[in-house]
N, C-alpha and C. Protein backbone atom coordinates (compact mmCIF):
# COMPACT_ATOMS: atom_id res chain seq x y z
N UNK A 1 53.81 29.91 34.35
CA UNK A 1 52.72 29.29 35.08
C UNK A 1 51.37 29.92 34.72
N UNK A 2 51.34 31.20 34.42
CA UNK A 2 50.08 31.89 34.15
C UNK A 2 49.80 32.06 32.67
N UNK A 3 50.59 31.46 31.81
CA UNK A 3 50.46 31.68 30.37
C UNK A 3 49.20 31.03 29.79
N UNK A 4 48.71 29.95 30.37
CA UNK A 4 47.56 29.25 29.81
C UNK A 4 46.22 29.78 30.29
N UNK A 5 46.24 30.78 31.16
CA UNK A 5 44.99 31.30 31.72
C UNK A 5 44.43 32.44 30.88
N UNK A 6 43.16 32.67 31.04
CA UNK A 6 42.55 33.83 30.41
C UNK A 6 43.12 35.08 31.06
N UNK A 7 43.22 36.18 30.34
CA UNK A 7 43.88 37.38 30.87
C UNK A 7 43.28 37.89 32.19
N UNK A 8 41.94 37.91 32.28
CA UNK A 8 41.34 38.43 33.53
C UNK A 8 41.63 37.51 34.71
N UNK A 9 41.66 36.20 34.48
CA UNK A 9 41.98 35.27 35.56
C UNK A 9 43.46 35.30 35.90
N UNK A 10 44.29 35.51 34.90
CA UNK A 10 45.73 35.59 35.11
C UNK A 10 46.06 36.77 36.01
N UNK A 11 45.39 37.91 35.79
CA UNK A 11 45.64 39.09 36.63
C UNK A 11 45.20 38.82 38.06
N UNK A 12 44.05 38.21 38.23
CA UNK A 12 43.55 37.92 39.58
C UNK A 12 44.50 36.97 40.30
N UNK A 13 44.95 35.94 39.60
CA UNK A 13 45.85 34.97 40.22
C UNK A 13 47.20 35.59 40.54
N UNK A 14 47.73 36.40 39.65
CA UNK A 14 49.03 37.03 39.93
C UNK A 14 48.92 38.02 41.09
N UNK A 15 47.80 38.76 41.17
CA UNK A 15 47.59 39.66 42.32
C UNK A 15 47.51 38.87 43.62
N UNK A 16 46.83 37.74 43.59
CA UNK A 16 46.72 36.91 44.79
C UNK A 16 48.08 36.35 45.19
N UNK A 17 48.87 35.93 44.19
CA UNK A 17 50.19 35.37 44.50
C UNK A 17 51.11 36.44 45.10
N UNK A 18 50.93 37.71 44.72
CA UNK A 18 51.74 38.78 45.28
C UNK A 18 51.40 39.05 46.74
N UNK A 19 50.21 38.63 47.17
CA UNK A 19 49.82 38.78 48.57
C UNK A 19 50.56 37.82 49.49
N UNK A 20 51.20 36.81 48.87
CA UNK A 20 51.95 35.80 49.64
C UNK A 20 51.03 35.11 50.66
N UNK A 21 49.95 34.55 50.15
CA UNK A 21 48.91 33.96 51.00
C UNK A 21 49.39 32.77 51.82
N UNK A 22 50.42 32.10 51.34
CA UNK A 22 50.92 30.94 52.10
C UNK A 22 51.60 31.35 53.39
N UNK A 23 52.14 32.54 53.42
CA UNK A 23 52.87 33.00 54.62
C UNK A 23 52.13 34.07 55.40
N UNK A 24 51.15 34.70 54.78
CA UNK A 24 50.41 35.78 55.43
C UNK A 24 49.02 35.28 55.81
N UNK A 25 48.73 35.26 57.10
CA UNK A 25 47.44 34.72 57.55
C UNK A 25 46.29 35.69 57.29
N UNK A 26 46.58 36.97 57.04
CA UNK A 26 45.51 37.94 56.79
C UNK A 26 45.09 37.96 55.33
N UNK A 27 45.88 37.34 54.45
CA UNK A 27 45.54 37.31 53.02
C UNK A 27 44.44 36.29 52.76
N UNK A 28 43.82 36.43 51.59
CA UNK A 28 42.78 35.47 51.22
C UNK A 28 43.38 34.08 51.06
N UNK A 29 42.66 33.05 51.47
CA UNK A 29 43.20 31.68 51.45
C UNK A 29 43.35 31.14 50.03
N UNK A 30 42.48 31.59 49.13
CA UNK A 30 42.62 31.18 47.73
C UNK A 30 42.14 32.32 46.84
N UNK A 31 42.52 32.31 45.57
CA UNK A 31 42.17 33.44 44.69
C UNK A 31 40.68 33.59 44.43
N UNK A 32 39.90 32.55 44.67
CA UNK A 32 38.45 32.64 44.43
C UNK A 32 37.72 33.42 45.51
N UNK A 33 38.42 33.80 46.57
CA UNK A 33 37.82 34.61 47.62
C UNK A 33 38.12 36.09 47.48
N UNK A 34 38.94 36.44 46.50
CA UNK A 34 39.29 37.85 46.32
C UNK A 34 38.11 38.63 45.74
N UNK A 35 38.01 39.91 46.09
CA UNK A 35 36.91 40.73 45.55
C UNK A 35 36.92 40.81 44.02
N UNK A 36 38.09 40.84 43.42
CA UNK A 36 38.17 40.92 41.95
C UNK A 36 37.56 39.67 41.31
N UNK A 37 37.83 38.51 41.87
CA UNK A 37 37.27 37.26 41.33
C UNK A 37 35.76 37.23 41.53
N UNK A 38 35.30 37.63 42.71
CA UNK A 38 33.86 37.63 42.98
C UNK A 38 33.13 38.59 42.06
N UNK A 39 33.73 39.75 41.77
CA UNK A 39 33.11 40.70 40.84
C UNK A 39 33.08 40.13 39.42
N UNK A 40 34.16 39.47 39.03
CA UNK A 40 34.20 38.84 37.71
C UNK A 40 33.11 37.77 37.58
N UNK A 41 32.93 36.97 38.61
CA UNK A 41 31.92 35.92 38.58
C UNK A 41 30.51 36.51 38.57
N UNK A 42 30.32 37.64 39.28
CA UNK A 42 29.01 38.29 39.25
C UNK A 42 28.70 38.78 37.84
N UNK A 43 29.69 39.35 37.18
CA UNK A 43 29.51 39.83 35.80
C UNK A 43 29.18 38.66 34.88
N UNK A 44 29.93 37.57 35.03
CA UNK A 44 29.70 36.40 34.18
C UNK A 44 28.33 35.78 34.46
N UNK A 45 27.91 35.79 35.71
CA UNK A 45 26.59 35.23 36.05
C UNK A 45 25.48 36.08 35.43
N UNK A 46 25.64 37.40 35.47
CA UNK A 46 24.64 38.28 34.85
C UNK A 46 24.56 38.03 33.34
N UNK A 47 25.72 37.89 32.70
CA UNK A 47 25.73 37.60 31.26
C UNK A 47 25.07 36.25 30.98
N UNK A 48 25.33 35.29 31.84
CA UNK A 48 24.74 33.96 31.66
C UNK A 48 23.22 34.00 31.79
N UNK A 49 22.73 34.78 32.74
CA UNK A 49 21.28 34.89 32.91
C UNK A 49 20.62 35.56 31.70
N UNK A 50 21.29 36.57 31.14
CA UNK A 50 20.76 37.21 29.93
C UNK A 50 20.70 36.22 28.77
N UNK A 51 21.75 35.43 28.62
CA UNK A 51 21.79 34.44 27.54
C UNK A 51 20.74 33.35 27.76
N UNK A 52 20.52 32.96 29.01
CA UNK A 52 19.48 31.97 29.31
C UNK A 52 18.10 32.51 28.96
N UNK A 53 17.87 33.79 29.22
CA UNK A 53 16.59 34.40 28.87
C UNK A 53 16.38 34.39 27.36
N UNK A 54 17.44 34.77 26.61
CA UNK A 54 17.34 34.75 25.15
C UNK A 54 17.13 33.33 24.64
N UNK A 55 17.81 32.37 25.26
CA UNK A 55 17.65 30.97 24.84
C UNK A 55 16.23 30.48 25.11
N UNK A 56 15.66 30.87 26.23
CA UNK A 56 14.29 30.46 26.55
C UNK A 56 13.30 31.06 25.54
N UNK A 57 13.53 32.32 25.15
CA UNK A 57 12.65 32.94 24.16
C UNK A 57 12.76 32.23 22.81
N UNK A 58 13.99 31.89 22.42
CA UNK A 58 14.18 31.18 21.15
C UNK A 58 13.56 29.78 21.21
N UNK A 59 13.69 29.13 22.36
CA UNK A 59 13.11 27.80 22.53
C UNK A 59 11.59 27.85 22.42
N UNK A 60 10.97 28.86 23.05
CA UNK A 60 9.51 28.99 22.98
C UNK A 60 9.05 29.30 21.56
N UNK A 61 9.81 30.13 20.85
CA UNK A 61 9.47 30.42 19.45
C UNK A 61 9.60 29.15 18.61
N UNK A 62 10.61 28.34 18.87
CA UNK A 62 10.78 27.08 18.15
C UNK A 62 9.65 26.10 18.44
N UNK A 63 9.21 26.05 19.69
CA UNK A 63 8.09 25.17 20.03
C UNK A 63 6.81 25.60 19.33
N UNK A 64 6.60 26.93 19.23
CA UNK A 64 5.41 27.43 18.54
C UNK A 64 5.46 27.07 17.05
N UNK A 65 6.63 27.26 16.45
CA UNK A 65 6.80 26.91 15.03
C UNK A 65 6.62 25.41 14.82
N UNK A 66 7.10 24.60 15.76
CA UNK A 66 6.94 23.15 15.66
C UNK A 66 5.47 22.75 15.74
N UNK A 67 4.72 23.39 16.60
CA UNK A 67 3.29 23.10 16.72
C UNK A 67 2.56 23.46 15.43
N UNK A 68 2.91 24.58 14.84
CA UNK A 68 2.28 25.00 13.59
C UNK A 68 2.59 23.99 12.48
N UNK A 69 3.85 23.56 12.39
CA UNK A 69 4.20 22.61 11.32
C UNK A 69 3.58 21.24 11.57
N UNK A 70 3.47 20.83 12.83
CA UNK A 70 2.80 19.56 13.14
C UNK A 70 1.33 19.60 12.74
N UNK A 71 0.67 20.71 13.03
CA UNK A 71 -0.73 20.87 12.67
C UNK A 71 -0.90 20.86 11.15
N UNK A 72 -0.02 21.56 10.47
CA UNK A 72 -0.08 21.59 9.01
C UNK A 72 0.09 20.18 8.43
N UNK A 73 1.06 19.44 8.94
CA UNK A 73 1.29 18.07 8.45
C UNK A 73 0.09 17.18 8.74
N UNK A 74 -0.49 17.29 9.93
CA UNK A 74 -1.66 16.49 10.29
C UNK A 74 -2.82 16.79 9.35
N UNK A 75 -3.10 18.07 9.13
CA UNK A 75 -4.22 18.43 8.24
C UNK A 75 -3.96 17.97 6.81
N UNK A 76 -2.72 18.06 6.36
CA UNK A 76 -2.39 17.60 5.01
C UNK A 76 -2.65 16.11 4.86
N UNK A 77 -2.23 15.34 5.84
CA UNK A 77 -2.43 13.89 5.78
C UNK A 77 -3.92 13.55 5.84
N UNK A 78 -4.66 14.22 6.71
CA UNK A 78 -6.08 13.90 6.84
C UNK A 78 -6.85 14.26 5.57
N UNK A 79 -6.60 15.42 5.02
CA UNK A 79 -7.32 15.80 3.80
C UNK A 79 -6.87 14.97 2.60
N UNK A 80 -5.64 14.54 2.58
CA UNK A 80 -5.18 13.62 1.53
C UNK A 80 -5.88 12.28 1.64
N UNK A 81 -6.10 11.84 2.87
CA UNK A 81 -6.83 10.59 3.09
C UNK A 81 -8.27 10.72 2.58
N UNK A 82 -8.88 11.84 2.87
CA UNK A 82 -10.25 12.07 2.40
C UNK A 82 -10.29 12.05 0.88
N UNK A 83 -9.34 12.72 0.24
CA UNK A 83 -9.32 12.74 -1.23
C UNK A 83 -9.05 11.35 -1.79
N UNK A 84 -8.17 10.60 -1.15
CA UNK A 84 -7.88 9.24 -1.62
C UNK A 84 -9.12 8.35 -1.51
N UNK A 85 -9.79 8.39 -0.35
CA UNK A 85 -10.99 7.56 -0.18
C UNK A 85 -12.09 7.96 -1.15
N UNK A 86 -12.23 9.26 -1.40
CA UNK A 86 -13.23 9.72 -2.37
C UNK A 86 -12.89 9.25 -3.77
N UNK A 87 -11.61 9.25 -4.11
CA UNK A 87 -11.20 8.80 -5.44
C UNK A 87 -11.39 7.30 -5.61
N UNK A 88 -11.18 6.54 -4.54
CA UNK A 88 -11.34 5.09 -4.61
C UNK A 88 -12.80 4.72 -4.87
N UNK A 89 -13.71 5.52 -4.35
CA UNK A 89 -15.14 5.20 -4.55
C UNK A 89 -15.52 5.18 -6.02
N UNK A 90 -14.85 5.90 -6.86
CA UNK A 90 -15.18 5.91 -8.29
C UNK A 90 -14.75 4.62 -8.99
N UNK A 91 -13.86 3.86 -8.37
CA UNK A 91 -13.34 2.64 -9.00
C UNK A 91 -13.99 1.37 -8.45
N UNK A 92 -14.83 1.52 -7.42
CA UNK A 92 -15.46 0.34 -6.83
C UNK A 92 -16.62 -0.15 -7.71
N UNK A 93 -16.77 -1.48 -7.76
CA UNK A 93 -17.82 -2.08 -8.57
C UNK A 93 -19.16 -2.06 -7.84
N UNK A 94 -19.12 -2.31 -6.54
CA UNK A 94 -20.36 -2.36 -5.77
C UNK A 94 -20.72 -0.96 -5.28
N UNK A 95 -21.90 -0.48 -5.60
CA UNK A 95 -22.29 0.88 -5.21
C UNK A 95 -22.40 1.06 -3.69
N UNK A 96 -22.80 -0.02 -2.96
CA UNK A 96 -22.93 0.08 -1.51
C UNK A 96 -21.56 0.36 -0.86
N UNK A 97 -20.52 -0.32 -1.35
CA UNK A 97 -19.17 -0.11 -0.80
C UNK A 97 -18.69 1.30 -1.12
N UNK A 98 -18.99 1.79 -2.30
CA UNK A 98 -18.61 3.15 -2.67
C UNK A 98 -19.30 4.18 -1.81
N UNK A 99 -20.60 3.95 -1.55
CA UNK A 99 -21.34 4.88 -0.70
C UNK A 99 -20.80 4.86 0.72
N UNK A 100 -20.50 3.67 1.23
CA UNK A 100 -19.94 3.56 2.58
C UNK A 100 -18.60 4.29 2.67
N UNK A 101 -17.75 4.09 1.67
CA UNK A 101 -16.45 4.75 1.67
C UNK A 101 -16.60 6.27 1.54
N UNK A 102 -17.56 6.71 0.78
CA UNK A 102 -17.81 8.14 0.64
C UNK A 102 -18.31 8.74 1.95
N UNK A 103 -19.15 8.02 2.66
CA UNK A 103 -19.64 8.49 3.97
C UNK A 103 -18.49 8.55 4.97
N UNK A 104 -17.63 7.53 4.97
CA UNK A 104 -16.48 7.52 5.88
C UNK A 104 -15.57 8.71 5.59
N UNK A 105 -15.30 8.96 4.31
CA UNK A 105 -14.42 10.09 3.98
C UNK A 105 -15.08 11.42 4.34
N UNK A 106 -16.40 11.52 4.18
CA UNK A 106 -17.10 12.75 4.56
C UNK A 106 -17.04 12.95 6.07
N UNK A 107 -17.20 11.87 6.83
CA UNK A 107 -17.12 11.97 8.30
C UNK A 107 -15.71 12.40 8.74
N UNK A 108 -14.71 11.84 8.10
CA UNK A 108 -13.33 12.23 8.43
C UNK A 108 -13.12 13.71 8.12
N UNK A 109 -13.62 14.14 6.98
CA UNK A 109 -13.48 15.54 6.58
C UNK A 109 -14.19 16.47 7.56
N UNK A 110 -15.40 16.12 7.94
CA UNK A 110 -16.17 16.94 8.88
C UNK A 110 -15.49 16.97 10.25
N UNK A 111 -15.00 15.82 10.70
CA UNK A 111 -14.32 15.75 12.00
C UNK A 111 -13.07 16.63 12.01
N UNK A 112 -12.28 16.56 10.96
CA UNK A 112 -11.07 17.37 10.88
C UNK A 112 -11.41 18.86 10.82
N UNK A 113 -12.43 19.20 10.05
CA UNK A 113 -12.83 20.61 9.97
C UNK A 113 -13.33 21.12 11.32
N UNK A 114 -14.14 20.33 12.02
CA UNK A 114 -14.62 20.74 13.34
C UNK A 114 -13.46 20.86 14.33
N UNK A 115 -12.54 19.92 14.29
CA UNK A 115 -11.37 19.98 15.16
C UNK A 115 -10.55 21.24 14.87
N UNK A 116 -10.42 21.56 13.60
CA UNK A 116 -9.67 22.76 13.22
C UNK A 116 -10.39 24.03 13.67
N UNK A 117 -11.67 24.08 13.47
CA UNK A 117 -12.43 25.27 13.85
C UNK A 117 -12.41 25.48 15.36
N UNK A 118 -12.62 24.42 16.12
CA UNK A 118 -12.69 24.58 17.57
C UNK A 118 -11.31 24.71 18.24
N UNK A 119 -10.26 24.44 17.51
CA UNK A 119 -8.94 24.62 18.10
C UNK A 119 -8.31 25.97 17.72
N UNK A 120 -9.02 26.76 16.94
CA UNK A 120 -8.52 28.08 16.58
C UNK A 120 -8.64 29.03 17.77
N UNK A 121 -7.71 29.98 17.87
CA UNK A 121 -7.80 30.94 18.97
C UNK A 121 -8.98 31.88 18.78
N UNK A 122 -9.51 32.37 19.87
CA UNK A 122 -10.65 33.27 19.84
C UNK A 122 -10.16 34.70 20.04
N UNK A 123 -10.54 35.58 19.14
CA UNK A 123 -10.15 36.98 19.26
C UNK A 123 -11.14 37.70 20.17
N UNK A 124 -10.62 38.53 21.02
CA UNK A 124 -11.46 39.31 21.93
C UNK A 124 -11.31 40.79 21.60
N UNK A 125 -12.44 41.46 21.59
CA UNK A 125 -12.39 42.91 21.36
C UNK A 125 -12.14 43.61 22.68
N UNK A 126 -11.39 44.67 22.60
CA UNK A 126 -11.23 45.43 23.83
C UNK A 126 -9.90 45.88 24.11
């Protein structure tokens, strides 16, 4: 009957069965009320809390790395767009359209640079 249980639970259950709880009213009503089981669960709960703390730290590090890669991808796409629009201006026949496209690409470049500069962290001395 106890062969499929983990060793620590098997010992707790066999100790409880030796108490003859079905016939003895002073014995614990079930094995989960025994001090050995409660101590085992306290140990397991402490281990679980430690693992949850480590998991939260890993999750936060992953979120930070994800933010960095998202920012890198965004900047790559925006600067590629600027380079593409600038390159297209050399192939346009009408100079007004080329100038307009060059101004648009310059505005995009300036906007991205300002966004990048103002989103950088500020170092404090002290």
